[in-house]
Amino acid sequence: PSHTSQEVEVPDNIILFFQPPYCPEVNAIERFWEYLKQDLACVLFESLDSLRAKKDKNLNSLSNAIVGSLTGWSWILQSLCMSGL
């Protein structure tokens, strides 16, 4: 079942992007997670804390350029420009 509502109150600082119900190829977070998990896959961590530490290190090392290349697709940027942001 999809999560839908007929009435949604959208705050002024939120922009809704409507997408097909299941379409990971247009969902920017899917590509971001794929990139983030590359360094975590096939690794046996000694503890949950060591996994968290590695995840934190990877997140903190991300540059604006990397995040932009993973999530700054033309249709997203165009929508942001049209919204006035």
PDB file of N, CA and C in Angstrom:
ATOM      1  N   PRO A   1       0.836  -1.195   0.000  1.00  0.00           N
ATOM      2  CA  PRO A   1       0.000   0.000   0.000  1.00  0.00           C
ATOM      3  C   PRO A   1       0.874   1.249   0.000  1.00  0.00           C
ATOM      4  N   SER A   2       0.479   2.203  -0.777  1.00  0.00           N
ATOM      5  CA  SER A   2       1.241   3.450  -0.811  1.00  0.00           C
ATOM      6  C   SER A   2       0.757   4.381   0.292  1.00  0.00           C
ATOM      7  N   HIS A   3       1.623   5.290   0.660  1.00  0.00           N
ATOM      8  CA  HIS A   3       1.298   6.263   1.697  1.00  0.00           C
ATOM      9  C   HIS A   3       0.793   7.518   1.002  1.00  0.00           C
ATOM     10  N   THR A   4      -0.492   7.741   1.089  1.00  0.00           N
ATOM     11  CA  THR A   4      -1.079   8.904   0.435  1.00  0.00           C
ATOM     12  C   THR A   4      -2.034   9.603   1.384  1.00  0.00           C
ATOM     13  N   SER A   5      -2.280  10.840   1.078  1.00  0.00           N
ATOM     14  CA  SER A   5      -3.236  11.624   1.843  1.00  0.00           C
ATOM     15  C   SER A   5      -3.875  12.622   0.895  1.00  0.00           C
ATOM     16  N   GLN A   6      -5.145  12.861   1.078  1.00  0.00           N
ATOM     17  CA  GLN A   6      -5.835  13.842   0.251  1.00  0.00           C
ATOM     18  C   GLN A   6      -5.541  15.263   0.720  1.00  0.00           C
ATOM     19  N   GLU A   7      -5.257  15.422   2.005  1.00  0.00           N
ATOM     20  CA  GLU A   7      -4.984  16.740   2.562  1.00  0.00           C
ATOM     21  C   GLU A   7      -3.608  16.741   3.203  1.00  0.00           C
ATOM     22  N   VAL A   8      -2.750  17.600   2.705  1.00  0.00           N
ATOM     23  CA  VAL A   8      -1.399  17.703   3.235  1.00  0.00           C
ATOM     24  C   VAL A   8      -1.100  19.168   3.487  1.00  0.00           C
ATOM     25  N   GLU A   9      -0.643  19.471   4.686  1.00  0.00           N
ATOM     26  CA  GLU A   9      -0.200  20.823   5.000  1.00  0.00           C
ATOM     27  C   GLU A   9       1.305  20.861   4.812  1.00  0.00           C
ATOM     28  N   VAL A  10       1.746  21.600   3.822  1.00  0.00           N
ATOM     29  CA  VAL A  10       3.164  21.657   3.491  1.00  0.00           C
ATOM     30  C   VAL A  10       3.739  22.971   4.003  1.00  0.00           C
ATOM     31  N   PRO A  11       4.729  22.899   4.900  1.00  0.00           N
ATOM     32  CA  PRO A  11       5.367  24.125   5.386  1.00  0.00           C
ATOM     33  C   PRO A  11       6.018  24.887   4.232  1.00  0.00           C
ATOM     34  N   ASP A  12       6.213  26.183   4.426  1.00  0.00           N
ATOM     35  CA  ASP A  12       6.778  27.033   3.381  1.00  0.00           C
ATOM     36  C   ASP A  12       8.184  26.616   2.964  1.00  0.00           C
ATOM     37  N   ASN A  13       8.930  25.980   3.874  1.00  0.00           N
ATOM     38  CA  ASN A  13      10.307  25.607   3.553  1.00  0.00           C
ATOM     39  C   ASN A  13      10.434  24.190   2.986  1.00  0.00           C
ATOM     40  N   ILE A  14       9.321  23.592   2.589  1.00  0.00           N
ATOM     41  CA  ILE A  14       9.311  22.239   2.023  1.00  0.00           C
ATOM     42  C   ILE A  14       8.769  22.298   0.601  1.00  0.00           C
ATOM     43  N   ILE A  15       9.458  21.604  -0.309  1.00  0.00           N
ATOM     44  CA  ILE A  15       8.995  21.487  -1.692  1.00  0.00           C
ATOM     45  C   ILE A  15       8.708  20.019  -1.954  1.00  0.00           C
ATOM     46  N   LEU A  16       7.512  19.725  -2.437  1.00  0.00           N
ATOM     47  CA  LEU A  16       7.155  18.348  -2.758  1.00  0.00           C
ATOM     48  C   LEU A  16       7.508  18.049  -4.209  1.00  0.00           C
ATOM     49  N   PHE A  17       8.197  16.924  -4.413  1.00  0.00           N
ATOM     50  CA  PHE A  17       8.481  16.417  -5.752  1.00  0.00           C
ATOM     51  C   PHE A  17       7.662  15.157  -5.922  1.00  0.00           C
ATOM     52  N   PHE A  18       6.762  15.153  -6.863  1.00  0.00           N
ATOM     53  CA  PHE A  18       5.926  13.981  -7.074  1.00  0.00           C
ATOM     54  C   PHE A  18       6.628  13.017  -8.018  1.00  0.00           C
ATOM     55  N   GLN A  19       6.683  11.758  -7.593  1.00  0.00           N
ATOM     56  CA  GLN A  19       7.371  10.712  -8.335  1.00  0.00           C
ATOM     57  C   GLN A  19       6.454   9.504  -8.466  1.00  0.00           C
ATOM     58  N   PRO A  20       6.791   8.595  -9.382  1.00  0.00           N
ATOM     59  CA  PRO A  20       6.041   7.340  -9.446  1.00  0.00           C
ATOM     60  C   PRO A  20       6.149   6.598  -8.113  1.00  0.00           C
ATOM     61  N   PRO A  21       5.188   5.729  -7.781  1.00  0.00           N
ATOM     62  CA  PRO A  21       5.188   5.046  -6.487  1.00  0.00           C
ATOM     63  C   PRO A  21       6.480   4.289  -6.183  1.00  0.00           C
ATOM     64  N   TYR A  22       7.006   3.568  -7.156  1.00  0.00           N
ATOM     65  CA  TYR A  22       8.267   2.866  -6.927  1.00  0.00           C
ATOM     66  C   TYR A  22       9.151   3.091  -8.133  1.00  0.00           C
ATOM     67  N   CYS A  23      10.115   3.950  -7.971  1.00  0.00           N
ATOM     68  CA  CYS A  23      10.981   4.300  -9.089  1.00  0.00           C
ATOM     69  C   CYS A  23      12.340   4.745  -8.532  1.00  0.00           C
ATOM     70  N   PRO A  24      13.149   3.796  -8.029  1.00  0.00           N
ATOM     71  CA  PRO A  24      14.409   4.170  -7.384  1.00  0.00           C
ATOM     72  C   PRO A  24      15.375   4.924  -8.292  1.00  0.00           C
ATOM     73  N   GLU A  25      15.252   4.740  -9.612  1.00  0.00           N
ATOM     74  CA  GLU A  25      16.182   5.428 -10.509  1.00  0.00           C
ATOM     75  C   GLU A  25      15.972   6.937 -10.537  1.00  0.00           C
ATOM     76  N   VAL A  26      14.834   7.422 -10.058  1.00  0.00           N
ATOM     77  CA  VAL A  26      14.631   8.868  -9.977  1.00  0.00           C
ATOM     78  C   VAL A  26      14.611   9.359  -8.530  1.00  0.00           C
ATOM     79  N   ASN A  27      14.931   8.492  -7.598  1.00  0.00           N
ATOM     80  CA  ASN A  27      14.960   8.850  -6.190  1.00  0.00           C
ATOM     81  C   ASN A  27      16.412   9.117  -5.792  1.00  0.00           C
ATOM     82  N   ALA A  28      16.743  10.369  -5.563  1.00  0.00           N
ATOM     83  CA  ALA A  28      18.128  10.764  -5.309  1.00  0.00           C
ATOM     84  C   ALA A  28      18.734  10.060  -4.106  1.00  0.00           C
ATOM     85  N   ILE A  29      17.958   9.779  -3.089  1.00  0.00           N
ATOM     86  CA  ILE A  29      18.526   9.152  -1.889  1.00  0.00           C
ATOM     87  C   ILE A  29      19.016   7.739  -2.174  1.00  0.00           C
ATOM     88  N   GLU A  30      18.412   7.047  -3.131  1.00  0.00           N
ATOM     89  CA  GLU A  30      18.860   5.699  -3.476  1.00  0.00           C
ATOM     90  C   GLU A  30      20.297   5.728  -3.984  1.00  0.00           C
ATOM     91  N   ARG A  31      20.600   6.675  -4.832  1.00  0.00           N
ATOM     92  CA  ARG A  31      21.958   6.792  -5.365  1.00  0.00           C
ATOM     93  C   ARG A  31      22.937   7.208  -4.271  1.00  0.00           C
ATOM     94  N   PHE A  32      22.487   8.078  -3.379  1.00  0.00           N
ATOM     95  CA  PHE A  32      23.329   8.510  -2.265  1.00  0.00           C
ATOM     96  C   PHE A  32      23.675   7.333  -1.362  1.00  0.00           C
ATOM     97  N   TRP A  33      22.669   6.519  -0.989  1.00  0.00           N
ATOM     98  CA  TRP A  33      22.916   5.362  -0.120  1.00  0.00           C
ATOM     99  C   TRP A  33      23.823   4.340  -0.799  1.00  0.00           C
ATOM    100  N   GLU A  34      23.632   4.151  -2.103  1.00  0.00           N
ATOM    101  CA  GLU A  34      24.487   3.218  -2.842  1.00  0.00           C
ATOM    102  C   GLU A  34      25.949   3.646  -2.735  1.00  0.00           C
ATOM    103  N   TYR A  35      26.199   4.932  -2.897  1.00  0.00           N
ATOM    104  CA  TYR A  35      27.556   5.464  -2.777  1.00  0.00           C
ATOM    105  C   TYR A  35      28.085   5.274  -1.356  1.00  0.00           C
ATOM    106  N   LEU A  36      27.267   5.597  -0.374  1.00  0.00           N
ATOM    107  CA  LEU A  36      27.693   5.515   1.018  1.00  0.00           C
ATOM    108  C   LEU A  36      28.008   4.082   1.437  1.00  0.00           C
ATOM    109  N   LYS A  37      27.232   3.122   0.944  1.00  0.00           N
ATOM    110  CA  LYS A  37      27.401   1.729   1.356  1.00  0.00           C
ATOM    111  C   LYS A  37      28.580   1.033   0.686  1.00  0.00           C
ATOM    112  N   GLN A  38      29.157   1.626  -0.356  1.00  0.00           N
ATOM    113  CA  GLN A  38      30.280   0.990  -1.045  1.00  0.00           C
ATOM    114  C   GLN A  38      31.408   0.634  -0.090  1.00  0.00           C
ATOM    115  N   ASP A  39      31.696   1.514   0.824  1.00  0.00           N
ATOM    116  CA  ASP A  39      32.811   1.320   1.751  1.00  0.00           C
ATOM    117  C   ASP A  39      32.423   0.479   2.969  1.00  0.00           C
ATOM    118  N   LEU A  40      31.141   0.145   3.089  1.00  0.00           N
ATOM    119  CA  LEU A  40      30.668  -0.623   4.241  1.00  0.00           C
ATOM    120  C   LEU A  40      30.320  -2.062   3.882  1.00  0.00           C
ATOM    121  N   ALA A  41      30.154  -2.336   2.595  1.00  0.00           N
ATOM    122  CA  ALA A  41      29.734  -3.668   2.157  1.00  0.00           C
ATOM    123  C   ALA A  41      30.860  -4.684   2.335  1.00  0.00           C
ATOM    124  N   CYS A  42      30.480  -5.896   2.631  1.00  0.00           N
ATOM    125  CA  CYS A  42      31.417  -7.026   2.739  1.00  0.00           C
ATOM    126  C   CYS A  42      32.486  -6.799   3.803  1.00  0.00           C
ATOM    127  N   VAL A  43      32.156  -6.047   4.833  1.00  0.00           N
ATOM    128  CA  VAL A  43      33.073  -5.804   5.942  1.00  0.00           C
ATOM    129  C   VAL A  43      32.428  -6.346   7.204  1.00  0.00           C
ATOM    130  N   LEU A  44      33.188  -7.125   7.948  1.00  0.00           N
ATOM    131  CA  LEU A  44      32.705  -7.637   9.225  1.00  0.00           C
ATOM    132  C   LEU A  44      33.218  -6.703  10.321  1.00  0.00           C
ATOM    133  N   PHE A  45      32.343  -5.906  10.857  1.00  0.00           N
ATOM    134  CA  PHE A  45      32.719  -4.957  11.899  1.00  0.00           C
ATOM    135  C   PHE A  45      32.713  -5.662  13.249  1.00  0.00           C
ATOM    136  N   GLU A  46      33.631  -5.266  14.108  1.00  0.00           N
ATOM    137  CA  GLU A  46      33.749  -5.902  15.418  1.00  0.00           C
ATOM    138  C   GLU A  46      32.560  -5.589  16.313  1.00  0.00           C
ATOM    139  N   SER A  47      31.950  -4.448  16.083  1.00  0.00           N
ATOM    140  CA  SER A  47      30.820  -4.045  16.914  1.00  0.00           C
ATOM    141  C   SER A  47      29.957  -3.053  16.141  1.00  0.00           C
ATOM    142  N   LEU A  48      28.788  -2.818  16.673  1.00  0.00           N
ATOM    143  CA  LEU A  48      27.907  -1.816  16.081  1.00  0.00           C
ATOM    144  C   LEU A  48      28.538  -0.429  16.179  1.00  0.00           C
ATOM    145  N   ASP A  49      29.270  -0.194  17.268  1.00  0.00           N
ATOM    146  CA  ASP A  49      29.946   1.097  17.423  1.00  0.00           C
ATOM    147  C   ASP A  49      31.002   1.319  16.343  1.00  0.00           C
ATOM    148  N   SER A  50      31.730   0.264  15.954  1.00  0.00           N
ATOM    149  CA  SER A  50      32.738   0.426  14.903  1.00  0.00           C
ATOM    150  C   SER A  50      32.080   0.680  13.546  1.00  0.00           C
ATOM    151  N   LEU A  51      30.928   0.065  13.303  1.00  0.00           N
ATOM    152  CA  LEU A  51      30.170   0.343  12.081  1.00  0.00           C
ATOM    153  C   LEU A  51      29.697   1.797  12.078  1.00  0.00           C
ATOM    154  N   ARG A  52      29.175   2.241  13.204  1.00  0.00           N
ATOM    155  CA  ARG A  52      28.715   3.631  13.300  1.00  0.00           C
ATOM    156  C   ARG A  52      29.865   4.612  13.088  1.00  0.00           C
ATOM    157  N   ALA A  53      31.025   4.293  13.656  1.00  0.00           N
ATOM    158  CA  ALA A  53      32.186   5.173  13.506  1.00  0.00           C
ATOM    159  C   ALA A  53      32.606   5.274  12.041  1.00  0.00           C
ATOM    160  N   LYS A  54      32.599   4.153  11.333  1.00  0.00           N
ATOM    161  CA  LYS A  54      32.954   4.154   9.911  1.00  0.00           C
ATOM    162  C   LYS A  54      31.924   4.942   9.101  1.00  0.00           C
ATOM    163  N   LYS A  55      30.653   4.744   9.418  1.00  0.00           N
ATOM    164  CA  LYS A  55      29.582   5.486   8.744  1.00  0.00           C
ATOM    165  C   LYS A  55      29.741   6.981   8.981  1.00  0.00           C
ATOM    166  N   ASP A  56      30.012   7.370  10.220  1.00  0.00           N
ATOM    167  CA  ASP A  56      30.201   8.784  10.541  1.00  0.00           C
ATOM    168  C   ASP A  56      31.400   9.364   9.796  1.00  0.00           C
ATOM    169  N   LYS A  57      32.484   8.597   9.731  1.00  0.00           N
ATOM    170  CA  LYS A  57      33.680   9.050   9.010  1.00  0.00           C
ATOM    171  C   LYS A  57      33.355   9.268   7.536  1.00  0.00           C
ATOM    172  N   ASN A  58      32.635   8.327   6.942  1.00  0.00           N
ATOM    173  CA  ASN A  58      32.268   8.450   5.528  1.00  0.00           C
ATOM    174  C   ASN A  58      31.367   9.660   5.289  1.00  0.00           C
ATOM    175  N   LEU A  59      30.378   9.858   6.155  1.00  0.00           N
ATOM    176  CA  LEU A  59      29.481  11.006   5.998  1.00  0.00           C
ATOM    177  C   LEU A  59      30.227  12.325   6.154  1.00  0.00           C
ATOM    178  N   ASN A  60      31.118  12.385   7.135  1.00  0.00           N
ATOM    179  CA  ASN A  60      31.853  13.625   7.383  1.00  0.00           C
ATOM    180  C   ASN A  60      32.850  13.946   6.277  1.00  0.00           C
ATOM    181  N   SER A  61      33.255  12.940   5.510  1.00  0.00           N
ATOM    182  CA  SER A  61      34.227  13.174   4.442  1.00  0.00           C
ATOM    183  C   SER A  61      33.573  13.601   3.126  1.00  0.00           C
ATOM    184  N   LEU A  62      32.249  13.587   3.074  1.00  0.00           N
ATOM    185  CA  LEU A  62      31.556  13.963   1.843  1.00  0.00           C
ATOM    186  C   LEU A  62      31.700  15.457   1.573  1.00  0.00           C
ATOM    187  N   SER A  63      32.091  15.776   0.371  1.00  0.00           N
ATOM    188  CA  SER A  63      32.178  17.183  -0.023  1.00  0.00           C
ATOM    189  C   SER A  63      30.861  17.604  -0.675  1.00  0.00           C
ATOM    190  N   ASN A  64      30.670  18.897  -0.789  1.00  0.00           N
ATOM    191  CA  ASN A  64      29.483  19.401  -1.487  1.00  0.00           C
ATOM    192  C   ASN A  64      29.451  18.906  -2.927  1.00  0.00           C
ATOM    193  N   ALA A  65      30.628  18.794  -3.539  1.00  0.00           N
ATOM    194  CA  ALA A  65      30.699  18.338  -4.933  1.00  0.00           C
ATOM    195  C   ALA A  65      30.223  16.897  -5.068  1.00  0.00           C
ATOM    196  N   ILE A  66      30.608  16.041  -4.126  1.00  0.00           N
ATOM    197  CA  ILE A  66      30.182  14.637  -4.184  1.00  0.00           C
ATOM    198  C   ILE A  66      28.677  14.537  -3.979  1.00  0.00           C
ATOM    199  N   VAL A  67      28.162  15.217  -2.962  1.00  0.00           N
ATOM    200  CA  VAL A  67      26.716  15.180  -2.708  1.00  0.00           C
ATOM    201  C   VAL A  67      25.964  15.730  -3.919  1.00  0.00           C
ATOM    202  N   GLY A  68      26.462  16.805  -4.498  1.00  0.00           N
ATOM    203  CA  GLY A  68      25.827  17.385  -5.675  1.00  0.00           C
ATOM    204  C   GLY A  68      25.827  16.444  -6.860  1.00  0.00           C
ATOM    205  N   SER A  69      26.929  15.719  -7.045  1.00  0.00           N
ATOM    206  CA  SER A  69      26.995  14.799  -8.184  1.00  0.00           C
ATOM    207  C   SER A  69      26.061  13.613  -8.002  1.00  0.00           C
ATOM    208  N   LEU A  70      25.778  13.255  -6.762  1.00  0.00           N
ATOM    209  CA  LEU A  70      24.896  12.119  -6.487  1.00  0.00           C
ATOM    210  C   LEU A  70      23.424  12.505  -6.486  1.00  0.00           C
ATOM    211  N   THR A  71      23.130  13.732  -6.123  1.00  0.00           N
ATOM    212  CA  THR A  71      21.728  14.119  -5.936  1.00  0.00           C
ATOM    213  C   THR A  71      21.281  15.287  -6.808  1.00  0.00           C
ATOM    214  N   GLY A  72      22.203  15.962  -7.466  1.00  0.00           N
ATOM    215  CA  GLY A  72      21.861  17.160  -8.225  1.00  0.00           C
ATOM    216  C   GLY A  72      21.465  16.878  -9.658  1.00  0.00           C
ATOM    217  N   TRP A  73      20.478  16.041  -9.841  1.00  0.00           N
ATOM    218  CA  TRP A  73      20.014  15.711 -11.184  1.00  0.00           C
ATOM    219  C   TRP A  73      19.311  16.912 -11.785  1.00  0.00           C
ATOM    220  N   SER A  74      19.326  16.998 -13.098  1.00  0.00           N
ATOM    221  CA  SER A  74      18.784  18.180 -13.773  1.00  0.00           C
ATOM    222  C   SER A  74      17.321  18.435 -13.422  1.00  0.00           C
ATOM    223  N   TRP A  75      16.504  17.383 -13.308  1.00  0.00           N
ATOM    224  CA  TRP A  75      15.082  17.603 -13.010  1.00  0.00           C
ATOM    225  C   TRP A  75      14.889  18.128 -11.596  1.00  0.00           C
ATOM    226  N   ILE A  76      15.777  17.757 -10.675  1.00  0.00           N
ATOM    227  CA  ILE A  76      15.701  18.277  -9.308  1.00  0.00           C
ATOM    228  C   ILE A  76      16.122  19.747  -9.307  1.00  0.00           C
ATOM    229  N   LEU A  77      17.251  20.040  -9.949  1.00  0.00           N
ATOM    230  CA  LEU A  77      17.743  21.414  -9.991  1.00  0.00           C
ATOM    231  C   LEU A  77      16.763  22.336 -10.701  1.00  0.00           C
ATOM    232  N   GLN A  78      16.160  21.843 -11.777  1.00  0.00           N
ATOM    233  CA  GLN A  78      15.172  22.647 -12.501  1.00  0.00           C
ATOM    234  C   GLN A  78      13.958  22.941 -11.617  1.00  0.00           C
ATOM    235  N   SER A  79      13.510  21.948 -10.865  1.00  0.00           N
ATOM    236  CA  SER A  79      12.372  22.155  -9.963  1.00  0.00           C
ATOM    237  C   SER A  79      12.708  23.171  -8.883  1.00  0.00           C
ATOM    238  N   LEU A  80      13.935  23.101  -8.361  1.00  0.00           N
ATOM    239  CA  LEU A  80      14.353  24.067  -7.347  1.00  0.00           C
ATOM    240  C   LEU A  80      14.413  25.476  -7.924  1.00  0.00           C
ATOM    241  N   CYS A  81      14.926  25.606  -9.133  1.00  0.00           N
ATOM    242  CA  CYS A  81      14.985  26.925  -9.782  1.00  0.00           C
ATOM    243  C   CYS A  81      13.589  27.486 -10.010  1.00  0.00           C
ATOM    244  N   MET A  82      12.681  26.632 -10.436  1.00  0.00           N
ATOM    245  CA  MET A  82      11.309  27.076 -10.689  1.00  0.00           C
ATOM    246  C   MET A  82      10.615  27.497  -9.402  1.00  0.00           C
ATOM    247  N   SER A  83      11.043  26.913  -8.271  1.00  0.00           N
ATOM    248  CA  SER A  83      10.405  27.243  -6.998  1.00  0.00           C
ATOM    249  C   SER A  83      10.926  28.554  -6.421  1.00  0.00           C
ATOM    250  N   GLY A  84      12.024  29.041  -6.974  1.00  0.00           N
ATOM    251  CA  GLY A  84      12.585  30.292  -6.483  1.00  0.00           C
ATOM    252  C   GLY A  84      13.653  30.112  -5.429  1.00  0.00           C
ATOM    253  N   LEU A  85      14.069  28.884  -5.181  1.00  0.00           N
ATOM    254  CA  LEU A  85      15.133  28.652  -4.199  1.00  0.00           C
ATOM    255  C   LEU A  85      16.503  28.818  -4.806  1.00  0.00           C
TER     256      LEU A  85
END
